[in-house]
Amino acid sequence: MIVSLLLAAMLALASAYDAQQPSPTPEPSVTATPTVAVTPIPIPTPAIATPAPSASANPTPAGSQSPEASPAPSPTPTGLNLPPLKYHITPKQPPNPAPDSPQILEIDLNDQVIYSTKNFSARVTTNDVVTKVTISSNGHSGQMTRIAPGRFESTGDIPKLPSIIGGLNVNLVFTATTADGRSTSVKVPIKVKR
């Protein structure tokens, strides 16, 4: 759906740009104000494949519905454009967690040592009941992007450290929260260097 909206916006911008370009031939003394009409792009609904009629040994009785084939599965979401993630953390899980309790299954970072003004990327894998994951450290926090149920990603640049600081040991706290407010957290130690 977002692709359709972006496509409609791009078409509107292209139409507006074309309308602003001078025409190649001189116009008569009558001037007209160009109008830009944006036609909404219909959002396709997934089609459900129906089997082709065939002569089978067990014909469908008159008035009954024949079974329909299920639609093709959606492709796996690609997520953000993350660099290779080399630092993998698998938190210890409780022995018998309730099926509806939030769980952080894995945390992947681009590295255990990150550098000032360089990229920091993270992926957190949770169970499907988690609706939000936040990263916090030293009083600052930010919410990760939900790519799919149970998959959250984040990427950005680390701010420049002052010259008097050579490096910092930091605990990143990843907190997974369910829709009803239950949460679980995992601390991940990293080093930030200048």
N, C-alpha and C. Protein backbone atom coordinates (compact mmCIF):
# COMPACT_ATOMS: atom_id res chain seq x y z
N MET A 1 0.82 -1.17 0.00
CA MET A 1 0.00 0.00 0.00
C MET A 1 0.87 1.25 0.00
N ILE A 2 1.97 1.24 0.77
CA ILE A 2 2.84 2.41 0.81
C ILE A 2 3.48 2.64 -0.55
N VAL A 3 3.73 1.56 -1.29
CA VAL A 3 4.30 1.71 -2.63
C VAL A 3 3.31 2.45 -3.52
N SER A 4 2.02 2.12 -3.39
CA SER A 4 1.01 2.81 -4.19
C SER A 4 0.96 4.29 -3.86
N LEU A 5 1.03 4.61 -2.56
CA LEU A 5 1.01 6.01 -2.16
C LEU A 5 2.24 6.76 -2.67
N LEU A 6 3.41 6.12 -2.56
CA LEU A 6 4.63 6.76 -3.07
C LEU A 6 4.57 6.95 -4.57
N LEU A 7 4.04 5.95 -5.27
CA LEU A 7 3.92 6.05 -6.72
C LEU A 7 2.98 7.19 -7.09
N ALA A 8 1.86 7.33 -6.37
CA ALA A 8 0.92 8.42 -6.65
C ALA A 8 1.58 9.77 -6.40
N ALA A 9 2.35 9.88 -5.32
CA ALA A 9 3.04 11.13 -5.02
C ALA A 9 4.07 11.46 -6.09
N MET A 10 4.80 10.45 -6.56
CA MET A 10 5.80 10.68 -7.61
C MET A 10 5.14 11.12 -8.90
N LEU A 11 3.99 10.51 -9.23
CA LEU A 11 3.27 10.90 -10.44
C LEU A 11 2.78 12.34 -10.33
N ALA A 12 2.29 12.74 -9.15
CA ALA A 12 1.83 14.11 -8.96
C ALA A 12 2.97 15.10 -9.11
N LEU A 13 4.14 14.76 -8.53
CA LEU A 13 5.30 15.64 -8.67
C LEU A 13 5.76 15.74 -10.12
N ALA A 14 5.76 14.60 -10.81
CA ALA A 14 6.17 14.62 -12.21
C ALA A 14 5.20 15.46 -13.04
N SER A 15 3.90 15.33 -12.77
CA SER A 15 2.91 16.13 -13.50
C SER A 15 3.10 17.61 -13.23
N ALA A 16 3.35 17.96 -11.97
CA ALA A 16 3.56 19.36 -11.62
C ALA A 16 4.83 19.89 -12.28
N TYR A 17 5.89 19.08 -12.33
CA TYR A 17 7.14 19.50 -12.96
C TYR A 17 6.92 19.71 -14.46
N ASP A 18 6.21 18.77 -15.11
CA ASP A 18 5.95 18.92 -16.55
C ASP A 18 5.10 20.15 -16.82
N ALA A 19 4.16 20.46 -15.92
CA ALA A 19 3.29 21.62 -16.13
C ALA A 19 4.07 22.92 -16.01
N GLN A 20 5.18 22.92 -15.26
CA GLN A 20 5.96 24.13 -15.07
C GLN A 20 6.96 24.36 -16.20
N GLN A 21 7.23 23.38 -17.02
CA GLN A 21 8.19 23.50 -18.11
C GLN A 21 7.60 24.37 -19.22
N PRO A 22 8.42 25.23 -19.85
CA PRO A 22 7.89 26.05 -20.95
C PRO A 22 7.54 25.17 -22.14
N SER A 23 6.46 25.54 -22.82
CA SER A 23 6.07 24.72 -23.96
C SER A 23 7.01 25.04 -25.13
N PRO A 24 7.25 24.07 -26.00
CA PRO A 24 8.19 24.26 -27.09
C PRO A 24 7.69 25.23 -28.16
N THR A 25 6.40 25.44 -28.29
CA THR A 25 5.87 26.36 -29.30
C THR A 25 5.23 27.54 -28.60
N PRO A 26 5.30 28.73 -29.20
CA PRO A 26 4.68 29.88 -28.57
C PRO A 26 3.17 29.73 -28.52
N GLU A 27 2.60 30.14 -27.41
CA GLU A 27 1.16 30.06 -27.21
C GLU A 27 0.53 31.35 -27.75
N PRO A 28 -0.73 31.30 -28.14
CA PRO A 28 -1.42 32.54 -28.49
C PRO A 28 -1.53 33.42 -27.26
N SER A 29 -2.06 34.61 -27.41
CA SER A 29 -2.10 35.56 -26.31
C SER A 29 -3.01 35.10 -25.17
N VAL A 30 -3.75 34.05 -25.33
CA VAL A 30 -4.61 33.55 -24.26
C VAL A 30 -3.73 32.74 -23.32
N THR A 31 -3.82 33.05 -22.04
CA THR A 31 -3.04 32.28 -21.07
C THR A 31 -3.98 31.39 -20.29
N ALA A 32 -3.50 30.23 -19.99
CA ALA A 32 -4.29 29.27 -19.21
C ALA A 32 -3.45 28.80 -18.03
N THR A 33 -4.11 28.59 -16.94
CA THR A 33 -3.42 28.06 -15.77
C THR A 33 -3.52 26.55 -15.83
N PRO A 34 -2.36 25.88 -15.87
CA PRO A 34 -2.43 24.42 -15.94
C PRO A 34 -2.96 23.85 -14.63
N THR A 35 -3.74 22.81 -14.75
CA THR A 35 -4.24 22.13 -13.56
C THR A 35 -3.60 20.75 -13.50
N VAL A 36 -3.36 20.33 -12.31
CA VAL A 36 -2.77 19.01 -12.12
C VAL A 36 -3.85 18.13 -11.51
N ALA A 37 -4.19 17.11 -12.23
CA ALA A 37 -5.19 16.18 -11.72
C ALA A 37 -4.47 14.92 -11.25
N VAL A 38 -4.70 14.57 -10.02
CA VAL A 38 -4.10 13.36 -9.49
C VAL A 38 -5.19 12.32 -9.41
N THR A 39 -5.00 11.26 -10.12
CA THR A 39 -5.97 10.18 -10.09
C THR A 39 -5.46 9.13 -9.11
N PRO A 40 -6.26 8.80 -8.11
CA PRO A 40 -5.79 7.79 -7.17
C PRO A 40 -5.57 6.46 -7.88
N ILE A 41 -4.51 5.82 -7.50
CA ILE A 41 -4.19 4.52 -8.07
C ILE A 41 -4.94 3.48 -7.26
N PRO A 42 -5.72 2.64 -7.91
CA PRO A 42 -6.46 1.63 -7.14
C PRO A 42 -5.48 0.65 -6.50
N ILE A 43 -5.78 0.32 -5.28
CA ILE A 43 -4.94 -0.64 -4.56
C ILE A 43 -5.47 -2.02 -4.89
N PRO A 44 -4.61 -2.85 -5.47
CA PRO A 44 -5.09 -4.18 -5.86
C PRO A 44 -5.37 -5.02 -4.62
N THR A 45 -6.44 -5.78 -4.70
CA THR A 45 -6.73 -6.72 -3.63
C THR A 45 -6.18 -8.07 -4.04
N PRO A 46 -5.66 -8.82 -3.08
CA PRO A 46 -5.07 -10.10 -3.45
C PRO A 46 -6.12 -11.00 -4.07
N ALA A 47 -5.77 -11.57 -5.19
CA ALA A 47 -6.68 -12.47 -5.87
C ALA A 47 -6.53 -13.86 -5.29
N ILE A 48 -7.63 -14.54 -5.16
CA ILE A 48 -7.58 -15.90 -4.66
C ILE A 48 -7.76 -16.79 -5.87
N ALA A 49 -6.77 -17.64 -6.07
CA ALA A 49 -6.79 -18.52 -7.23
C ALA A 49 -7.88 -19.57 -7.04
N THR A 50 -8.66 -19.79 -8.08
CA THR A 50 -9.66 -20.85 -8.02
C THR A 50 -9.21 -21.93 -8.98
N PRO A 51 -9.39 -23.17 -8.59
CA PRO A 51 -8.94 -24.25 -9.46
C PRO A 51 -9.73 -24.26 -10.77
N ALA A 52 -9.05 -24.65 -11.82
CA ALA A 52 -9.69 -24.74 -13.12
C ALA A 52 -10.66 -25.91 -13.10
N PRO A 53 -11.79 -25.78 -13.81
CA PRO A 53 -12.74 -26.89 -13.82
C PRO A 53 -12.08 -28.11 -14.45
N SER A 54 -12.32 -29.23 -13.82
CA SER A 54 -11.77 -30.47 -14.37
C SER A 54 -12.78 -31.57 -14.17
N ALA A 55 -12.65 -32.56 -14.95
CA ALA A 55 -13.53 -33.71 -14.80
C ALA A 55 -12.90 -34.61 -13.76
N SER A 56 -13.51 -34.66 -12.58
CA SER A 56 -12.93 -35.49 -11.53
C SER A 56 -13.88 -36.63 -11.22
N ALA A 57 -13.34 -37.59 -10.50
CA ALA A 57 -14.14 -38.74 -10.14
C ALA A 57 -15.20 -38.35 -9.12
N ASN A 58 -14.96 -37.31 -8.33
CA ASN A 58 -15.91 -36.86 -7.34
C ASN A 58 -16.38 -35.46 -7.70
N PRO A 59 -17.35 -35.31 -8.56
CA PRO A 59 -17.80 -33.97 -8.93
C PRO A 59 -18.43 -33.27 -7.74
N THR A 60 -18.36 -31.95 -7.76
CA THR A 60 -18.95 -31.14 -6.70
C THR A 60 -20.45 -31.14 -6.87
N PRO A 61 -21.19 -31.42 -5.80
CA PRO A 61 -22.66 -31.41 -5.93
C PRO A 61 -23.15 -30.01 -6.29
N ALA A 62 -24.26 -29.98 -6.99
CA ALA A 62 -24.82 -28.70 -7.41
C ALA A 62 -25.17 -27.86 -6.19
N GLY A 63 -24.88 -26.58 -6.25
CA GLY A 63 -25.21 -25.67 -5.17
C GLY A 63 -24.17 -25.62 -4.06
N SER A 64 -23.13 -26.44 -4.12
CA SER A 64 -22.10 -26.38 -3.08
C SER A 64 -20.87 -25.67 -3.62
N GLN A 65 -20.12 -25.06 -2.73
CA GLN A 65 -18.92 -24.33 -3.12
C GLN A 65 -17.76 -25.30 -3.26
N SER A 66 -16.95 -25.08 -4.27
CA SER A 66 -15.73 -25.89 -4.38
C SER A 66 -14.66 -25.23 -3.53
N PRO A 67 -13.71 -25.99 -2.99
CA PRO A 67 -12.67 -25.38 -2.15
C PRO A 67 -11.81 -24.45 -2.98
N GLU A 68 -11.35 -23.36 -2.33
CA GLU A 68 -10.50 -22.40 -3.02
C GLU A 68 -9.06 -22.60 -2.58
N ALA A 69 -8.14 -22.35 -3.49
CA ALA A 69 -6.72 -22.44 -3.16
C ALA A 69 -6.35 -21.22 -2.32
N SER A 70 -5.45 -21.40 -1.39
CA SER A 70 -5.03 -20.26 -0.57
C SER A 70 -4.07 -19.39 -1.36
N PRO A 71 -4.05 -18.08 -1.07
CA PRO A 71 -3.16 -17.19 -1.81
C PRO A 71 -1.70 -17.52 -1.52
N ALA A 72 -0.84 -17.11 -2.44
CA ALA A 72 0.60 -17.35 -2.28
C ALA A 72 1.11 -16.59 -1.06
N PRO A 73 2.05 -17.17 -0.30
CA PRO A 73 2.55 -16.46 0.88
C PRO A 73 3.28 -15.19 0.48
N SER A 74 3.26 -14.22 1.39
CA SER A 74 3.96 -12.97 1.14
C SER A 74 5.46 -13.22 1.21
N PRO A 75 6.24 -12.47 0.42
CA PRO A 75 7.68 -12.64 0.52
C PRO A 75 8.19 -12.17 1.88
N THR A 76 9.30 -12.71 2.32
CA THR A 76 9.90 -12.32 3.58
C THR A 76 10.30 -10.85 3.50
N PRO A 77 9.94 -10.05 4.52
CA PRO A 77 10.29 -8.63 4.46
C PRO A 77 11.80 -8.46 4.47
N THR A 78 12.27 -7.49 3.69
CA THR A 78 13.72 -7.29 3.59
C THR A 78 14.24 -6.37 4.67
N GLY A 79 13.43 -5.49 5.20
CA GLY A 79 13.86 -4.63 6.29
C GLY A 79 14.75 -3.48 5.84
N LEU A 80 15.47 -2.93 6.81
CA LEU A 80 16.36 -1.82 6.54
C LEU A 80 17.62 -2.32 5.85
N ASN A 81 18.34 -1.43 5.24
CA ASN A 81 19.57 -1.80 4.55
C ASN A 81 20.72 -1.82 5.57
N LEU A 82 20.82 -2.92 6.32
CA LEU A 82 21.81 -3.02 7.38
C LEU A 82 23.13 -3.55 6.85
N PRO A 83 24.25 -3.10 7.44
CA PRO A 83 25.54 -3.68 7.09
C PRO A 83 25.63 -5.08 7.72
N PRO A 84 26.69 -5.82 7.46
CA PRO A 84 26.82 -7.14 8.09
C PRO A 84 26.82 -7.00 9.62
N LEU A 85 26.09 -7.87 10.27
CA LEU A 85 25.98 -7.84 11.73
C LEU A 85 26.84 -8.98 12.29
N LYS A 86 27.95 -8.62 12.98
CA LYS A 86 28.95 -9.61 13.40
C LYS A 86 28.88 -9.99 14.87
N TYR A 87 28.20 -9.20 15.69
CA TYR A 87 28.15 -9.45 17.13
C TYR A 87 26.76 -10.00 17.45
N HIS A 88 26.68 -11.27 17.85
CA HIS A 88 25.42 -11.96 18.06
C HIS A 88 25.25 -12.31 19.54
N ILE A 89 24.12 -11.95 20.10
CA ILE A 89 23.81 -12.23 21.49
C ILE A 89 22.53 -13.06 21.53
N THR A 90 22.58 -14.20 22.21
CA THR A 90 21.40 -15.04 22.39
C THR A 90 21.11 -15.08 23.89
N PRO A 91 20.14 -14.28 24.34
CA PRO A 91 19.84 -14.22 25.77
C PRO A 91 19.32 -15.56 26.29
N LYS A 92 19.65 -15.85 27.55
CA LYS A 92 19.15 -17.06 28.19
C LYS A 92 17.65 -16.89 28.43
N GLN A 93 16.88 -17.89 28.04
CA GLN A 93 15.44 -17.84 28.18
C GLN A 93 15.01 -18.52 29.48
N PRO A 94 13.87 -18.10 30.06
CA PRO A 94 13.36 -18.79 31.24
C PRO A 94 13.03 -20.24 30.89
N PRO A 95 13.06 -21.15 31.88
CA PRO A 95 12.86 -22.57 31.58
C PRO A 95 11.53 -22.89 30.89
N ASN A 96 10.43 -22.37 31.36
CA ASN A 96 9.12 -22.63 30.76
C ASN A 96 8.35 -21.32 30.64
N PRO A 97 8.69 -20.49 29.65
CA PRO A 97 7.99 -19.20 29.55
C PRO A 97 6.55 -19.39 29.10
N ALA A 98 5.68 -18.52 29.58
CA ALA A 98 4.29 -18.54 29.12
C ALA A 98 4.28 -18.15 27.64
N PRO A 99 3.39 -18.74 26.85
CA PRO A 99 3.39 -18.45 25.41
C PRO A 99 3.12 -16.99 25.08
N ASP A 100 2.44 -16.27 25.98
CA ASP A 100 2.13 -14.88 25.69
C ASP A 100 3.07 -13.91 26.40
N SER A 101 4.17 -14.40 26.96
CA SER A 101 5.12 -13.50 27.62
C SER A 101 6.14 -13.01 26.60
N PRO A 102 6.57 -11.74 26.72
CA PRO A 102 7.55 -11.21 25.75
C PRO A 102 8.90 -11.89 25.92
N GLN A 103 9.54 -12.19 24.79
CA GLN A 103 10.86 -12.82 24.81
C GLN A 103 11.75 -12.19 23.75
N ILE A 104 12.99 -11.91 24.13
CA ILE A 104 14.00 -11.49 23.17
C ILE A 104 14.80 -12.74 22.84
N LEU A 105 14.73 -13.18 21.60
CA LEU A 105 15.37 -14.42 21.19
C LEU A 105 16.80 -14.22 20.73
N GLU A 106 17.07 -13.08 20.07
CA GLU A 106 18.43 -12.83 19.57
C GLU A 106 18.60 -11.34 19.33
N ILE A 107 19.84 -10.87 19.56
CA ILE A 107 20.21 -9.48 19.27
C ILE A 107 21.45 -9.54 18.41
N ASP A 108 21.43 -8.85 17.28
CA ASP A 108 22.57 -8.80 16.36
C ASP A 108 22.99 -7.35 16.19
N LEU A 109 24.29 -7.08 16.39
CA LEU A 109 24.85 -5.73 16.21
C LEU A 109 25.93 -5.78 15.15
N ASN A 110 26.24 -4.62 14.55
CA ASN A 110 27.29 -4.63 13.54
C ASN A 110 28.65 -4.97 14.14
N ASP A 111 28.88 -4.65 15.42
CA ASP A 111 30.14 -5.03 16.06
C ASP A 111 30.04 -4.77 17.56
N GLN A 112 30.94 -5.37 18.34
CA GLN A 112 30.97 -5.12 19.78
C GLN A 112 31.68 -3.81 20.07
N VAL A 113 32.54 -3.36 19.16
CA VAL A 113 33.21 -2.07 19.28
C VAL A 113 32.69 -1.19 18.15
N ILE A 114 32.10 -0.05 18.53
CA ILE A 114 31.61 0.89 17.51
C ILE A 114 32.36 2.20 17.68
N TYR A 115 32.41 2.97 16.60
CA TYR A 115 33.24 4.18 16.57
C TYR A 115 32.40 5.42 16.40
N SER A 116 32.86 6.48 17.07
CA SER A 116 32.24 7.79 16.99
C SER A 116 32.15 8.21 15.52
N THR A 117 31.05 8.76 15.13
CA THR A 117 30.70 9.24 13.78
C THR A 117 30.52 8.10 12.76
N LYS A 118 30.57 6.85 13.20
CA LYS A 118 30.37 5.71 12.29
C LYS A 118 28.97 5.12 12.51
N ASN A 119 28.62 4.19 11.64
CA ASN A 119 27.29 3.58 11.67
C ASN A 119 27.15 2.57 12.80
N PHE A 120 25.97 2.57 13.40
CA PHE A 120 25.58 1.55 14.38
C PHE A 120 24.29 0.93 13.86
N SER A 121 24.26 -0.40 13.78
CA SER A 121 23.06 -1.09 13.30
C SER A 121 22.75 -2.24 14.24
N ALA A 122 21.45 -2.51 14.39
CA ALA A 122 21.01 -3.58 15.27
C ALA A 122 19.76 -4.24 14.71
N ARG A 123 19.65 -5.55 14.98
CA ARG A 123 18.44 -6.31 14.65
C ARG A 123 18.09 -7.10 15.91
N VAL A 124 16.83 -7.06 16.30
CA VAL A 124 16.35 -7.82 17.46
C VAL A 124 15.26 -8.76 16.98
N THR A 125 15.40 -10.03 17.34
CA THR A 125 14.40 -11.03 17.02
C THR A 125 13.67 -11.38 18.32
N THR A 126 12.34 -11.31 18.28
CA THR A 126 11.52 -11.58 19.46
C THR A 126 10.46 -12.61 19.09
N ASN A 127 9.67 -13.00 20.10
CA ASN A 127 8.49 -13.79 19.75
C ASN A 127 7.42 -12.84 19.22
N ASP A 128 6.36 -13.39 18.66
CA ASP A 128 5.38 -12.59 17.93
C ASP A 128 4.51 -11.69 18.80
N VAL A 129 4.48 -11.89 20.13
CA VAL A 129 3.62 -11.05 20.97
C VAL A 129 4.23 -9.67 21.22
N VAL A 130 5.50 -9.49 20.91
CA VAL A 130 6.18 -8.21 21.13
C VAL A 130 5.75 -7.22 20.04
N THR A 131 5.34 -6.02 20.47
CA THR A 131 4.89 -5.00 19.51
C THR A 131 5.86 -3.83 19.42
N LYS A 132 6.79 -3.71 20.39
CA LYS A 132 7.71 -2.58 20.39
C LYS A 132 9.02 -3.00 21.04
N VAL A 133 10.14 -2.54 20.46
CA VAL A 133 11.46 -2.74 21.06
C VAL A 133 12.14 -1.38 21.14
N THR A 134 12.70 -1.07 22.31
CA THR A 134 13.45 0.17 22.47
C THR A 134 14.89 -0.15 22.86
N ILE A 135 15.80 0.75 22.49
CA ILE A 135 17.20 0.67 22.90
C ILE A 135 17.43 1.88 23.80
N SER A 136 18.04 1.64 24.96
CA SER A 136 18.33 2.76 25.85
C SER A 136 19.72 2.61 26.43
N SER A 137 20.30 3.77 26.78
CA SER A 137 21.61 3.81 27.42
C SER A 137 21.83 5.20 27.99
N ASN A 138 22.28 5.25 29.23
CA ASN A 138 22.64 6.51 29.88
C ASN A 138 21.56 7.58 29.75
N GLY A 139 20.31 7.20 29.99
CA GLY A 139 19.23 8.17 29.98
C GLY A 139 18.65 8.51 28.62
N HIS A 140 19.17 7.94 27.56
CA HIS A 140 18.64 8.19 26.22
C HIS A 140 18.02 6.90 25.71
N SER A 141 16.94 7.03 24.91
CA SER A 141 16.33 5.83 24.35
C SER A 141 15.73 6.14 22.98
N GLY A 142 15.52 5.08 22.23
CA GLY A 142 14.91 5.21 20.91
C GLY A 142 14.19 3.93 20.56
N GLN A 143 13.14 4.07 19.78
CA GLN A 143 12.35 2.91 19.38
C GLN A 143 12.87 2.35 18.07
N MET A 144 12.95 1.04 17.98
CA MET A 144 13.40 0.37 16.76
C MET A 144 12.23 0.25 15.79
N THR A 145 12.55 0.11 14.50
CA THR A 145 11.54 -0.05 13.46
C THR A 145 11.07 -1.49 13.42
N ARG A 146 9.75 -1.68 13.44
CA ARG A 146 9.20 -3.03 13.35
C ARG A 146 9.12 -3.40 11.87
N ILE A 147 9.89 -4.41 11.48
CA ILE A 147 9.94 -4.86 10.09
C ILE A 147 8.85 -5.89 9.83
N ALA A 148 8.65 -6.77 10.78
CA ALA A 148 7.66 -7.84 10.69
C ALA A 148 7.39 -8.30 12.12
N PRO A 149 6.33 -9.08 12.34
CA PRO A 149 6.13 -9.59 13.70
C PRO A 149 7.38 -10.34 14.17
N GLY A 150 7.91 -9.91 15.31
CA GLY A 150 9.08 -10.56 15.87
C GLY A 150 10.41 -10.10 15.29
N ARG A 151 10.41 -9.07 14.44
CA ARG A 151 11.66 -8.60 13.84
C ARG A 151 11.70 -7.07 13.88
N PHE A 152 12.73 -6.54 14.56
CA PHE A 152 12.90 -5.11 14.73
C PHE A 152 14.31 -4.74 14.31
N GLU A 153 14.47 -3.58 13.64
CA GLU A 153 15.78 -3.16 13.16
C GLU A 153 15.97 -1.66 13.42
N SER A 154 17.24 -1.27 13.50
CA SER A 154 17.58 0.14 13.68
C SER A 154 18.97 0.37 13.12
N THR A 155 19.17 1.55 12.57
CA THR A 155 20.49 1.92 12.05
C THR A 155 20.64 3.44 12.15
N GLY A 156 21.86 3.89 12.38
CA GLY A 156 22.13 5.32 12.47
C GLY A 156 23.59 5.57 12.78
N ASP A 157 23.99 6.83 12.79
CA ASP A 157 25.38 7.19 13.05
C ASP A 157 25.56 7.56 14.52
N ILE A 158 26.68 7.16 15.08
CA ILE A 158 27.03 7.49 16.46
C ILE A 158 27.52 8.94 16.47
N PRO A 159 27.07 9.75 17.45
CA PRO A 159 27.54 11.14 17.51
C PRO A 159 29.04 11.21 17.79
N LYS A 160 29.63 12.34 17.44
CA LYS A 160 31.07 12.54 17.66
C LYS A 160 31.35 12.69 19.16
N LEU A 161 32.33 11.92 19.65
CA LEU A 161 32.75 12.02 21.04
C LEU A 161 33.72 13.18 21.21
N PRO A 162 33.69 13.86 22.36
CA PRO A 162 34.67 14.92 22.61
C PRO A 162 36.08 14.34 22.61
N SER A 163 37.06 15.16 22.28
CA SER A 163 38.44 14.68 22.15
C SER A 163 39.02 14.19 23.46
N ILE A 164 38.51 14.62 24.60
CA ILE A 164 39.06 14.17 25.87
C ILE A 164 38.62 12.74 26.21
N ILE A 165 37.64 12.21 25.48
CA ILE A 165 37.17 10.85 25.72
C ILE A 165 37.77 9.93 24.67
N GLY A 166 38.56 8.97 25.13
CA GLY A 166 39.15 8.01 24.19
C GLY A 166 38.21 6.88 23.86
N GLY A 167 37.39 6.50 24.80
CA GLY A 167 36.45 5.41 24.60
C GLY A 167 35.55 5.25 25.80
N LEU A 168 34.42 4.64 25.59
CA LEU A 168 33.44 4.43 26.65
C LEU A 168 32.97 2.98 26.64
N ASN A 169 32.81 2.41 27.82
CA ASN A 169 32.12 1.13 27.94
C ASN A 169 30.67 1.46 28.22
N VAL A 170 29.78 0.92 27.41
CA VAL A 170 28.37 1.26 27.48
C VAL A 170 27.55 -0.03 27.55
N ASN A 171 26.51 0.00 28.35
CA ASN A 171 25.52 -1.08 28.35
C ASN A 171 24.30 -0.59 27.58
N LEU A 172 24.01 -1.26 26.47
CA LEU A 172 22.76 -0.98 25.75
C LEU A 172 21.69 -1.86 26.36
N VAL A 173 20.54 -1.29 26.65
CA VAL A 173 19.43 -2.06 27.20
C VAL A 173 18.35 -2.17 26.12
N PHE A 174 18.09 -3.39 25.69
CA PHE A 174 17.04 -3.66 24.71
C PHE A 174 15.81 -4.11 25.48
N THR A 175 14.68 -3.40 25.31
CA THR A 175 13.45 -3.72 26.02
C THR A 175 12.37 -4.06 25.02
N ALA A 176 11.81 -5.26 25.15
CA ALA A 176 10.72 -5.72 24.29
C ALA A 176 9.42 -5.61 25.08
N THR A 177 8.40 -4.98 24.46
CA THR A 177 7.14 -4.71 25.14
C THR A 177 5.97 -5.27 24.34
N THR A 178 5.00 -5.84 25.04
CA THR A 178 3.79 -6.35 24.39
C THR A 178 2.74 -5.23 24.32
N ALA A 179 1.65 -5.50 23.61
CA ALA A 179 0.59 -4.50 23.45
C ALA A 179 -0.04 -4.13 24.79
N ASP A 180 -0.08 -5.07 25.75
CA ASP A 180 -0.69 -4.77 27.05
C ASP A 180 0.32 -4.25 28.07
N GLY A 181 1.56 -3.95 27.64
CA GLY A 181 2.52 -3.29 28.51
C GLY A 181 3.52 -4.18 29.23
N ARG A 182 3.42 -5.49 29.10
CA ARG A 182 4.41 -6.36 29.73
C ARG A 182 5.72 -6.26 28.96
N SER A 183 6.85 -6.37 29.67
CA SER A 183 8.13 -6.19 28.98
C SER A 183 9.21 -7.08 29.58
N THR A 184 10.27 -7.22 28.82
CA THR A 184 11.48 -7.90 29.24
C THR A 184 12.65 -7.13 28.67
N SER A 185 13.80 -7.18 29.36
CA SER A 185 14.98 -6.41 28.92
C SER A 185 16.22 -7.28 28.91
N VAL A 186 17.16 -6.90 28.04
CA VAL A 186 18.46 -7.55 27.96
C VAL A 186 19.52 -6.46 27.87
N LYS A 187 20.57 -6.57 28.71
CA LYS A 187 21.70 -5.63 28.66
C LYS A 187 22.78 -6.23 27.76
N VAL A 188 23.31 -5.37 26.88
CA VAL A 188 24.38 -5.79 25.97
C VAL A 188 25.55 -4.83 26.14
N PRO A 189 26.72 -5.31 26.60
CA PRO A 189 27.89 -4.42 26.74
C PRO A 189 28.57 -4.19 25.39
N ILE A 190 28.90 -2.93 25.12
CA ILE A 190 29.66 -2.58 23.92
C ILE A 190 30.69 -1.54 24.31
N LYS A 191 31.63 -1.29 23.42
CA LYS A 191 32.65 -0.26 23.60
C LYS A 191 32.46 0.76 22.48
N VAL A 192 32.44 2.04 22.87
CA VAL A 192 32.35 3.13 21.89
C VAL A 192 33.69 3.83 21.89
N LYS A 193 34.36 3.89 20.74
CA LYS A 193 35.67 4.54 20.62
C LYS A 193 35.56 5.77 19.74
N ARG A 194 36.51 6.68 19.99
CA ARG A 194 36.56 7.91 19.20
C ARG A 194 37.09 7.67 17.81
